[in-house]
Amino acid sequence: MIAEVATAHAVTYLPLHERQMEELRQADPPPIPYREVTPAAGLGVLVQRAVLRRSLDTISRRRNLVLTTDHIHQNSRGAALIAEVIDAGLLARNA
């Protein structure tokens, strides 16, 4: 639906959701229930980063998350995927 709206308005559509879903299917991670991000959860990531000196990728791995640290904020793999989608979209647009 979003792609159709983008096409109708001559706007470039970046299939990020589709690429993330493809990446998750290929990784086949164990099911993890989504939890709303709360201030305490956000603080947990900050404590792990600042106090425990854990990388975002380590935090993700410890939580069995593939693309994010907390279902929202990207780790390096998630950020690289976003960059690839943007790059491909810009190349297609300029072709």
PDB file of N, CA and C in Angstrom:
ATOM      1  N   MET A   1       0.814  -1.183   0.000  1.00  0.00           N
ATOM      2  CA  MET A   1       0.000   0.000   0.000  1.00  0.00           C
ATOM      3  C   MET A   1       0.872   1.268   0.000  1.00  0.00           C
ATOM      4  N   ILE A   2       1.910   1.289   0.817  1.00  0.00           N
ATOM      5  CA  ILE A   2       2.783   2.460   0.866  1.00  0.00           C
ATOM      6  C   ILE A   2       3.497   2.634  -0.470  1.00  0.00           C
ATOM      7  N   ALA A   3       3.934   1.522  -1.062  1.00  0.00           N
ATOM      8  CA  ALA A   3       4.599   1.594  -2.364  1.00  0.00           C
ATOM      9  C   ALA A   3       3.659   2.165  -3.418  1.00  0.00           C
ATOM     10  N   GLU A   4       2.387   1.792  -3.358  1.00  0.00           N
ATOM     11  CA  GLU A   4       1.399   2.307  -4.319  1.00  0.00           C
ATOM     12  C   GLU A   4       1.210   3.812  -4.156  1.00  0.00           C
ATOM     13  N   VAL A   5       1.133   4.277  -2.934  1.00  0.00           N
ATOM     14  CA  VAL A   5       0.987   5.717  -2.674  1.00  0.00           C
ATOM     15  C   VAL A   5       2.228   6.456  -3.178  1.00  0.00           C
ATOM     16  N   ALA A   6       3.404   5.904  -2.917  1.00  0.00           N
ATOM     17  CA  ALA A   6       4.644   6.530  -3.387  1.00  0.00           C
ATOM     18  C   ALA A   6       4.653   6.624  -4.908  1.00  0.00           C
ATOM     19  N   THR A   7       4.261   5.558  -5.577  1.00  0.00           N
ATOM     20  CA  THR A   7       4.213   5.563  -7.041  1.00  0.00           C
ATOM     21  C   THR A   7       3.218   6.590  -7.551  1.00  0.00           C
ATOM     22  N   ALA A   8       2.052   6.641  -6.938  1.00  0.00           N
ATOM     23  CA  ALA A   8       1.013   7.587  -7.363  1.00  0.00           C
ATOM     24  C   ALA A   8       1.469   9.036  -7.231  1.00  0.00           C
ATOM     25  N   HIS A   9       2.363   9.289  -6.290  1.00  0.00           N
ATOM     26  CA  HIS A   9       2.833  10.657  -6.058  1.00  0.00           C
ATOM     27  C   HIS A   9       4.257  10.884  -6.576  1.00  0.00           C
ATOM     28  N   ALA A  10       4.739   9.951  -7.379  1.00  0.00           N
ATOM     29  CA  ALA A  10       6.074  10.041  -7.983  1.00  0.00           C
ATOM     30  C   ALA A  10       7.177  10.253  -6.941  1.00  0.00           C
ATOM     31  N   VAL A  11       7.073   9.495  -5.857  1.00  0.00           N
ATOM     32  CA  VAL A  11       8.058   9.544  -4.779  1.00  0.00           C
ATOM     33  C   VAL A  11       8.773   8.195  -4.739  1.00  0.00           C
ATOM     34  N   THR A  12      10.067   8.226  -4.502  1.00  0.00           N
ATOM     35  CA  THR A  12      10.828   6.983  -4.418  1.00  0.00           C
ATOM     36  C   THR A  12      10.420   6.212  -3.172  1.00  0.00           C
ATOM     37  N   TYR A  13      10.114   4.941  -3.364  1.00  0.00           N
ATOM     38  CA  TYR A  13       9.767   4.059  -2.249  1.00  0.00           C
ATOM     39  C   TYR A  13      10.987   3.213  -1.916  1.00  0.00           C
ATOM     40  N   LEU A  14      11.372   3.184  -0.674  1.00  0.00           N
ATOM     41  CA  LEU A  14      12.482   2.356  -0.223  1.00  0.00           C
ATOM     42  C   LEU A  14      11.918   1.150   0.521  1.00  0.00           C
ATOM     43  N   PRO A  15      12.122  -0.054   0.014  1.00  0.00           N
ATOM     44  CA  PRO A  15      11.519  -1.251   0.602  1.00  0.00           C
ATOM     45  C   PRO A  15      12.258  -1.747   1.855  1.00  0.00           C
ATOM     46  N   LEU A  16      12.387  -0.889   2.834  1.00  0.00           N
ATOM     47  CA  LEU A  16      13.132  -1.243   4.042  1.00  0.00           C
ATOM     48  C   LEU A  16      12.457  -2.369   4.820  1.00  0.00           C
ATOM     49  N   HIS A  17      11.166  -2.250   5.027  1.00  0.00           N
ATOM     50  CA  HIS A  17      10.457  -3.288   5.796  1.00  0.00           C
ATOM     51  C   HIS A  17      10.632  -4.655   5.138  1.00  0.00           C
ATOM     52  N   GLU A  18      10.481  -4.692   3.828  1.00  0.00           N
ATOM     53  CA  GLU A  18      10.616  -5.950   3.103  1.00  0.00           C
ATOM     54  C   GLU A  18      12.018  -6.532   3.262  1.00  0.00           C
ATOM     55  N   ARG A  19      13.036  -5.681   3.172  1.00  0.00           N
ATOM     56  CA  ARG A  19      14.415  -6.146   3.334  1.00  0.00           C
ATOM     57  C   ARG A  19      14.681  -6.623   4.759  1.00  0.00           C
ATOM     58  N   GLN A  20      14.125  -5.917   5.748  1.00  0.00           N
ATOM     59  CA  GLN A  20      14.305  -6.354   7.132  1.00  0.00           C
ATOM     60  C   GLN A  20      13.637  -7.708   7.356  1.00  0.00           C
ATOM     61  N   MET A  21      12.444  -7.881   6.820  1.00  0.00           N
ATOM     62  CA  MET A  21      11.743  -9.157   6.976  1.00  0.00           C
ATOM     63  C   MET A  21      12.521 -10.287   6.295  1.00  0.00           C
ATOM     64  N   GLU A  22      13.067 -10.017   5.119  1.00  0.00           N
ATOM     65  CA  GLU A  22      13.882 -11.006   4.408  1.00  0.00           C
ATOM     66  C   GLU A  22      15.112 -11.380   5.238  1.00  0.00           C
ATOM     67  N   GLU A  23      15.755 -10.389   5.792  1.00  0.00           N
ATOM     68  CA  GLU A  23      16.941 -10.620   6.622  1.00  0.00           C
ATOM     69  C   GLU A  23      16.589 -11.462   7.852  1.00  0.00           C
ATOM     70  N   LEU A  24      15.474 -11.159   8.482  1.00  0.00           N
ATOM     71  CA  LEU A  24      15.048 -11.919   9.661  1.00  0.00           C
ATOM     72  C   LEU A  24      14.667 -13.349   9.296  1.00  0.00           C
ATOM     73  N   ARG A  25      14.006 -13.537   8.158  1.00  0.00           N
ATOM     74  CA  ARG A  25      13.662 -14.902   7.722  1.00  0.00           C
ATOM     75  C   ARG A  25      14.929 -15.714   7.499  1.00  0.00           C
ATOM     76  N   GLN A  26      15.927 -15.113   6.867  1.00  0.00           N
ATOM     77  CA  GLN A  26      17.180 -15.827   6.598  1.00  0.00           C
ATOM     78  C   GLN A  26      17.939 -16.137   7.885  1.00  0.00           C
ATOM     79  N   ALA A  27      17.910 -15.233   8.839  1.00  0.00           N
ATOM     80  CA  ALA A  27      18.610 -15.444  10.113  1.00  0.00           C
ATOM     81  C   ALA A  27      17.892 -16.475  10.974  1.00  0.00           C
ATOM     82  N   ASP A  28      16.576 -16.583  10.811  1.00  0.00           N
ATOM     83  CA  ASP A  28      15.739 -17.525  11.556  1.00  0.00           C
ATOM     84  C   ASP A  28      16.000 -17.471  13.070  1.00  0.00           C
ATOM     85  N   PRO A  29      15.871 -16.284  13.668  1.00  0.00           N
ATOM     86  CA  PRO A  29      16.116 -16.165  15.109  1.00  0.00           C
ATOM     87  C   PRO A  29      14.982 -16.801  15.914  1.00  0.00           C
ATOM     88  N   PRO A  30      15.253 -17.127  17.174  1.00  0.00           N
ATOM     89  CA  PRO A  30      14.168 -17.643  18.013  1.00  0.00           C
ATOM     90  C   PRO A  30      13.118 -16.546  18.208  1.00  0.00           C
ATOM     91  N   PRO A  31      11.851 -16.942  18.361  1.00  0.00           N
ATOM     92  CA  PRO A  31      10.805 -15.928  18.572  1.00  0.00           C
ATOM     93  C   PRO A  31      11.065 -15.138  19.854  1.00  0.00           C
ATOM     94  N   ILE A  32      10.920 -13.831  19.741  1.00  0.00           N
ATOM     95  CA  ILE A  32      11.106 -12.950  20.892  1.00  0.00           C
ATOM     96  C   ILE A  32       9.891 -12.043  20.961  1.00  0.00           C
ATOM     97  N   PRO A  33       9.146 -12.075  22.054  1.00  0.00           N
ATOM     98  CA  PRO A  33       7.963 -11.214  22.136  1.00  0.00           C
ATOM     99  C   PRO A  33       8.362  -9.743  22.162  1.00  0.00           C
ATOM    100  N   TYR A  34       7.575  -8.941  21.474  1.00  0.00           N
ATOM    101  CA  TYR A  34       7.826  -7.497  21.468  1.00  0.00           C
ATOM    102  C   TYR A  34       7.386  -6.910  22.792  1.00  0.00           C
ATOM    103  N   ARG A  35       8.218  -6.055  23.352  1.00  0.00           N
ATOM    104  CA  ARG A  35       7.858  -5.325  24.568  1.00  0.00           C
ATOM    105  C   ARG A  35       7.968  -3.849  24.256  1.00  0.00           C
ATOM    106  N   GLU A  36       7.030  -3.087  24.729  1.00  0.00           N
ATOM    107  CA  GLU A  36       7.087  -1.639  24.536  1.00  0.00           C
ATOM    108  C   GLU A  36       8.371  -1.100  25.160  1.00  0.00           C
ATOM    109  N   VAL A  37       8.984  -0.178  24.458  1.00  0.00           N
ATOM    110  CA  VAL A  37      10.194   0.442  25.003  1.00  0.00           C
ATOM    111  C   VAL A  37       9.775   1.425  26.088  1.00  0.00           C
ATOM    112  N   THR A  38      10.313   1.209  27.254  1.00  0.00           N
ATOM    113  CA  THR A  38      10.020   2.079  28.393  1.00  0.00           C
ATOM    114  C   THR A  38      11.292   2.857  28.737  1.00  0.00           C
ATOM    115  N   PRO A  39      11.169   3.904  29.523  1.00  0.00           N
ATOM    116  CA  PRO A  39      12.388   4.612  29.958  1.00  0.00           C
ATOM    117  C   PRO A  39      13.386   3.674  30.637  1.00  0.00           C
ATOM    118  N   ALA A  40      12.884   2.727  31.403  1.00  0.00           N
ATOM    119  CA  ALA A  40      13.777   1.789  32.094  1.00  0.00           C
ATOM    120  C   ALA A  40      14.523   0.909  31.094  1.00  0.00           C
ATOM    121  N   ALA A  41      13.829   0.463  30.051  1.00  0.00           N
ATOM    122  CA  ALA A  41      14.477  -0.367  29.035  1.00  0.00           C
ATOM    123  C   ALA A  41      15.534   0.437  28.288  1.00  0.00           C
ATOM    124  N   GLY A  42      15.201   1.664  27.953  1.00  0.00           N
ATOM    125  CA  GLY A  42      16.170   2.533  27.286  1.00  0.00           C
ATOM    126  C   GLY A  42      17.378   2.787  28.163  1.00  0.00           C
ATOM    127  N   LEU A  43      17.135   2.970  29.437  1.00  0.00           N
ATOM    128  CA  LEU A  43      18.216   3.181  30.396  1.00  0.00           C
ATOM    129  C   LEU A  43      19.102   1.939  30.479  1.00  0.00           C
ATOM    130  N   GLY A  44      18.470   0.769  30.344  1.00  0.00           N
ATOM    131  CA  GLY A  44      19.234  -0.477  30.377  1.00  0.00           C
ATOM    132  C   GLY A  44      20.281  -0.536  29.282  1.00  0.00           C
ATOM    133  N   VAL A  45      19.903  -0.111  28.079  1.00  0.00           N
ATOM    134  CA  VAL A  45      20.864  -0.079  26.971  1.00  0.00           C
ATOM    135  C   VAL A  45      21.969   0.926  27.274  1.00  0.00           C
ATOM    136  N   LEU A  46      21.591   2.089  27.780  1.00  0.00           N
ATOM    137  CA  LEU A  46      22.598   3.107  28.103  1.00  0.00           C
ATOM    138  C   LEU A  46      23.580   2.616  29.160  1.00  0.00           C
ATOM    139  N   VAL A  47      23.081   1.932  30.176  1.00  0.00           N
ATOM    140  CA  VAL A  47      23.956   1.403  31.229  1.00  0.00           C
ATOM    141  C   VAL A  47      24.905   0.365  30.640  1.00  0.00           C
ATOM    142  N   GLN A  48      24.365  -0.520  29.801  1.00  0.00           N
ATOM    143  CA  GLN A  48      25.225  -1.534  29.193  1.00  0.00           C
ATOM    144  C   GLN A  48      26.311  -0.897  28.329  1.00  0.00           C
ATOM    145  N   ARG A  49      25.947   0.171  27.610  1.00  0.00           N
ATOM    146  CA  ARG A  49      26.926   0.856  26.748  1.00  0.00           C
ATOM    147  C   ARG A  49      27.952   1.624  27.583  1.00  0.00           C
ATOM    148  N   ALA A  50      27.478   2.485  28.478  1.00  0.00           N
ATOM    149  CA  ALA A  50      28.364   3.413  29.185  1.00  0.00           C
ATOM    150  C   ALA A  50      29.116   2.766  30.342  1.00  0.00           C
ATOM    151  N   VAL A  51      28.424   1.973  31.130  1.00  0.00           N
ATOM    152  CA  VAL A  51      29.042   1.406  32.331  1.00  0.00           C
ATOM    153  C   VAL A  51      29.739   0.085  32.025  1.00  0.00           C
ATOM    154  N   LEU A  52      29.031  -0.805  31.344  1.00  0.00           N
ATOM    155  CA  LEU A  52      29.594  -2.125  31.063  1.00  0.00           C
ATOM    156  C   LEU A  52      30.429  -2.155  29.788  1.00  0.00           C
ATOM    157  N   ARG A  53      30.406  -1.061  29.037  1.00  0.00           N
ATOM    158  CA  ARG A  53      31.199  -0.912  27.809  1.00  0.00           C
ATOM    159  C   ARG A  53      30.884  -1.979  26.764  1.00  0.00           C
ATOM    160  N   ARG A  54      29.623  -2.383  26.686  1.00  0.00           N
ATOM    161  CA  ARG A  54      29.215  -3.359  25.678  1.00  0.00           C
ATOM    162  C   ARG A  54      28.871  -2.640  24.380  1.00  0.00           C
ATOM    163  N   SER A  55      29.215  -3.261  23.275  1.00  0.00           N
ATOM    164  CA  SER A  55      28.854  -2.691  21.975  1.00  0.00           C
ATOM    165  C   SER A  55      27.364  -2.926  21.731  1.00  0.00           C
ATOM    166  N   LEU A  56      26.804  -2.152  20.801  1.00  0.00           N
ATOM    167  CA  LEU A  56      25.394  -2.353  20.452  1.00  0.00           C
ATOM    168  C   LEU A  56      25.184  -3.754  19.887  1.00  0.00           C
ATOM    169  N   ASP A  57      26.164  -4.267  19.164  1.00  0.00           N
ATOM    170  CA  ASP A  57      26.052  -5.623  18.627  1.00  0.00           C
ATOM    171  C   ASP A  57      26.055  -6.667  19.742  1.00  0.00           C
ATOM    172  N   THR A  58      26.857  -6.442  20.769  1.00  0.00           N
ATOM    173  CA  THR A  58      26.876  -7.365  21.910  1.00  0.00           C
ATOM    174  C   THR A  58      25.543  -7.329  22.646  1.00  0.00           C
ATOM    175  N   ILE A  59      25.005  -6.144  22.834  1.00  0.00           N
ATOM    176  CA  ILE A  59      23.698  -6.013  23.490  1.00  0.00           C
ATOM    177  C   ILE A  59      22.645  -6.759  22.681  1.00  0.00           C
ATOM    178  N   SER A  60      22.659  -6.578  21.375  1.00  0.00           N
ATOM    179  CA  SER A  60      21.710  -7.277  20.500  1.00  0.00           C
ATOM    180  C   SER A  60      21.860  -8.782  20.630  1.00  0.00           C
ATOM    181  N   ARG A  61      23.101  -9.251  20.534  1.00  0.00           N
ATOM    182  CA  ARG A  61      23.370 -10.686  20.594  1.00  0.00           C
ATOM    183  C   ARG A  61      22.893 -11.272  21.920  1.00  0.00           C
ATOM    184  N   ARG A  62      23.138 -10.573  23.025  1.00  0.00           N
ATOM    185  CA  ARG A  62      22.707 -11.057  24.342  1.00  0.00           C
ATOM    186  C   ARG A  62      21.186 -11.120  24.448  1.00  0.00           C
ATOM    187  N   ARG A  63      20.496 -10.299  23.666  1.00  0.00           N
ATOM    188  CA  ARG A  63      19.028 -10.279  23.671  1.00  0.00           C
ATOM    189  C   ARG A  63      18.439 -11.124  22.539  1.00  0.00           C
ATOM    190  N   ASN A  64      19.290 -11.818  21.793  1.00  0.00           N
ATOM    191  CA  ASN A  64      18.872 -12.623  20.641  1.00  0.00           C
ATOM    192  C   ASN A  64      18.161 -11.802  19.574  1.00  0.00           C
ATOM    193  N   LEU A  65      18.568 -10.544  19.413  1.00  0.00           N
ATOM    194  CA  LEU A  65      17.994  -9.679  18.386  1.00  0.00           C
ATOM    195  C   LEU A  65      18.959  -9.597  17.207  1.00  0.00           C
ATOM    196  N   VAL A  66      18.426  -9.607  15.995  1.00  0.00           N
ATOM    197  CA  VAL A  66      19.253  -9.654  14.790  1.00  0.00           C
ATOM    198  C   VAL A  66      19.628  -8.266  14.285  1.00  0.00           C
ATOM    199  N   LEU A  67      18.654  -7.353  14.223  1.00  0.00           N
ATOM    200  CA  LEU A  67      18.870  -6.054  13.589  1.00  0.00           C
ATOM    201  C   LEU A  67      18.864  -4.874  14.553  1.00  0.00           C
ATOM    202  N   THR A  68      18.393  -5.080  15.763  1.00  0.00           N
ATOM    203  CA  THR A  68      18.230  -3.966  16.699  1.00  0.00           C
ATOM    204  C   THR A  68      18.780  -4.314  18.081  1.00  0.00           C
ATOM    205  N   THR A  69      18.852  -3.287  18.925  1.00  0.00           N
ATOM    206  CA  THR A  69      19.247  -3.514  20.318  1.00  0.00           C
ATOM    207  C   THR A  69      18.032  -3.700  21.214  1.00  0.00           C
ATOM    208  N   ASP A  70      16.878  -3.170  20.757  1.00  0.00           N
ATOM    209  CA  ASP A  70      15.686  -3.153  21.608  1.00  0.00           C
ATOM    210  C   ASP A  70      14.385  -3.158  20.801  1.00  0.00           C
ATOM    211  N   HIS A  71      14.409  -3.741  19.622  1.00  0.00           N
ATOM    212  CA  HIS A  71      13.278  -3.778  18.684  1.00  0.00           C
ATOM    213  C   HIS A  71      13.072  -2.453  17.962  1.00  0.00           C
ATOM    214  N   ILE A  72      13.850  -1.427  18.275  1.00  0.00           N
ATOM    215  CA  ILE A  72      13.692  -0.126  17.620  1.00  0.00           C
ATOM    216  C   ILE A  72      15.033   0.387  17.110  1.00  0.00           C
ATOM    217  N   HIS A  73      15.994   0.543  17.989  1.00  0.00           N
ATOM    218  CA  HIS A  73      17.279   1.150  17.641  1.00  0.00           C
ATOM    219  C   HIS A  73      18.195   0.112  16.991  1.00  0.00           C
ATOM    220  N   GLN A  74      18.788   0.496  15.880  1.00  0.00           N
ATOM    221  CA  GLN A  74      19.553  -0.431  15.053  1.00  0.00           C
ATOM    222  C   GLN A  74      20.923  -0.759  15.637  1.00  0.00           C
ATOM    223  N   ASN A  75      21.345  -2.004  15.414  1.00  0.00           N
ATOM    224  CA  ASN A  75      22.733  -2.367  15.666  1.00  0.00           C
ATOM    225  C   ASN A  75      23.488  -2.163  14.353  1.00  0.00           C
ATOM    226  N   SER A  76      24.735  -2.593  14.256  1.00  0.00           N
ATOM    227  CA  SER A  76      25.496  -2.328  13.029  1.00  0.00           C
ATOM    228  C   SER A  76      24.917  -3.067  11.829  1.00  0.00           C
ATOM    229  N   ARG A  77      24.403  -4.257  12.047  1.00  0.00           N
ATOM    230  CA  ARG A  77      23.796  -5.015  10.943  1.00  0.00           C
ATOM    231  C   ARG A  77      22.534  -4.325  10.438  1.00  0.00           C
ATOM    232  N   GLY A  78      21.688  -3.867  11.346  1.00  0.00           N
ATOM    233  CA  GLY A  78      20.476  -3.149  10.958  1.00  0.00           C
ATOM    234  C   GLY A  78      20.790  -1.838  10.270  1.00  0.00           C
ATOM    235  N   ALA A  79      21.785  -1.118  10.777  1.00  0.00           N
ATOM    236  CA  ALA A  79      22.172   0.158  10.170  1.00  0.00           C
ATOM    237  C   ALA A  79      22.751  -0.055   8.775  1.00  0.00           C
ATOM    238  N   ALA A  80      23.544  -1.110   8.600  1.00  0.00           N
ATOM    239  CA  ALA A  80      24.109  -1.408   7.282  1.00  0.00           C
ATOM    240  C   ALA A  80      23.005  -1.755   6.292  1.00  0.00           C
ATOM    241  N   LEU A  81      22.002  -2.474   6.750  1.00  0.00           N
ATOM    242  CA  LEU A  81      20.872  -2.819   5.888  1.00  0.00           C
ATOM    243  C   LEU A  81      20.130  -1.562   5.444  1.00  0.00           C
ATOM    244  N   ILE A  82      19.896  -0.645   6.357  1.00  0.00           N
ATOM    245  CA  ILE A  82      19.241   0.624   6.013  1.00  0.00           C
ATOM    246  C   ILE A  82      20.083   1.382   4.990  1.00  0.00           C
ATOM    247  N   ALA A  83      21.385   1.429   5.200  1.00  0.00           N
ATOM    248  CA  ALA A  83      22.274   2.128   4.262  1.00  0.00           C
ATOM    249  C   ALA A  83      22.216   1.491   2.876  1.00  0.00           C
ATOM    250  N   GLU A  84      22.176   0.160   2.811  1.00  0.00           N
ATOM    251  CA  GLU A  84      22.081  -0.535   1.524  1.00  0.00           C
ATOM    252  C   GLU A  84      20.786  -0.183   0.800  1.00  0.00           C
ATOM    253  N   VAL A  85      19.681  -0.174   1.535  1.00  0.00           N
ATOM    254  CA  VAL A  85      18.381   0.138   0.931  1.00  0.00           C
ATOM    255  C   VAL A  85      18.368   1.579   0.421  1.00  0.00           C
ATOM    256  N   ILE A  86      18.891   2.494   1.207  1.00  0.00           N
ATOM    257  CA  ILE A  86      18.945   3.900   0.783  1.00  0.00           C
ATOM    258  C   ILE A  86      19.844   4.044  -0.439  1.00  0.00           C
ATOM    259  N   ASP A  87      21.006   3.415  -0.400  1.00  0.00           N
ATOM    260  CA  ASP A  87      21.944   3.493  -1.520  1.00  0.00           C
ATOM    261  C   ASP A  87      21.310   2.943  -2.796  1.00  0.00           C
ATOM    262  N   ALA A  88      20.673   1.785  -2.708  1.00  0.00           N
ATOM    263  CA  ALA A  88      20.013   1.197  -3.878  1.00  0.00           C
ATOM    264  C   ALA A  88      18.898   2.105  -4.383  1.00  0.00           C
ATOM    265  N   GLY A  89      18.159   2.717  -3.478  1.00  0.00           N
ATOM    266  CA  GLY A  89      17.085   3.631  -3.871  1.00  0.00           C
ATOM    267  C   GLY A  89      17.608   4.862  -4.566  1.00  0.00           C
ATOM    268  N   LEU A  90      18.719   5.398  -4.080  1.00  0.00           N
ATOM    269  CA  LEU A  90      19.319   6.577  -4.717  1.00  0.00           C
ATOM    270  C   LEU A  90      19.882   6.237  -6.089  1.00  0.00           C
ATOM    271  N   LEU A  91      20.512   5.060  -6.200  1.00  0.00           N
ATOM    272  CA  LEU A  91      21.055   4.648  -7.493  1.00  0.00           C
ATOM    273  C   LEU A  91      19.938   4.441  -8.507  1.00  0.00           C
ATOM    274  N   ALA A  92      18.848   3.804  -8.081  1.00  0.00           N
ATOM    275  CA  ALA A  92      17.716   3.571  -8.982  1.00  0.00           C
ATOM    276  C   ALA A  92      17.090   4.889  -9.404  1.00  0.00           C
ATOM    277  N   ARG A  93      17.014   5.808  -8.497  1.00  0.00           N
ATOM    278  CA  ARG A  93      16.403   7.115  -8.780  1.00  0.00           C
ATOM    279  C   ARG A  93      17.240   7.918  -9.768  1.00  0.00           C
ATOM    280  N   ASN A  94      18.556   7.794  -9.657  1.00  0.00           N
ATOM    281  CA  ASN A  94      19.455   8.556 -10.524  1.00  0.00           C
ATOM    282  C   ASN A  94      19.763   7.856 -11.843  1.00  0.00           C
ATOM    283  N   ALA A  95      19.266   6.645 -12.015  1.00  0.00           N
ATOM    284  CA  ALA A  95      19.548   5.882 -13.247  1.00  0.00           C
ATOM    285  C   ALA A  95      18.710   6.357 -14.412  1.00  0.00           C
TER     286      ALA A  95
END
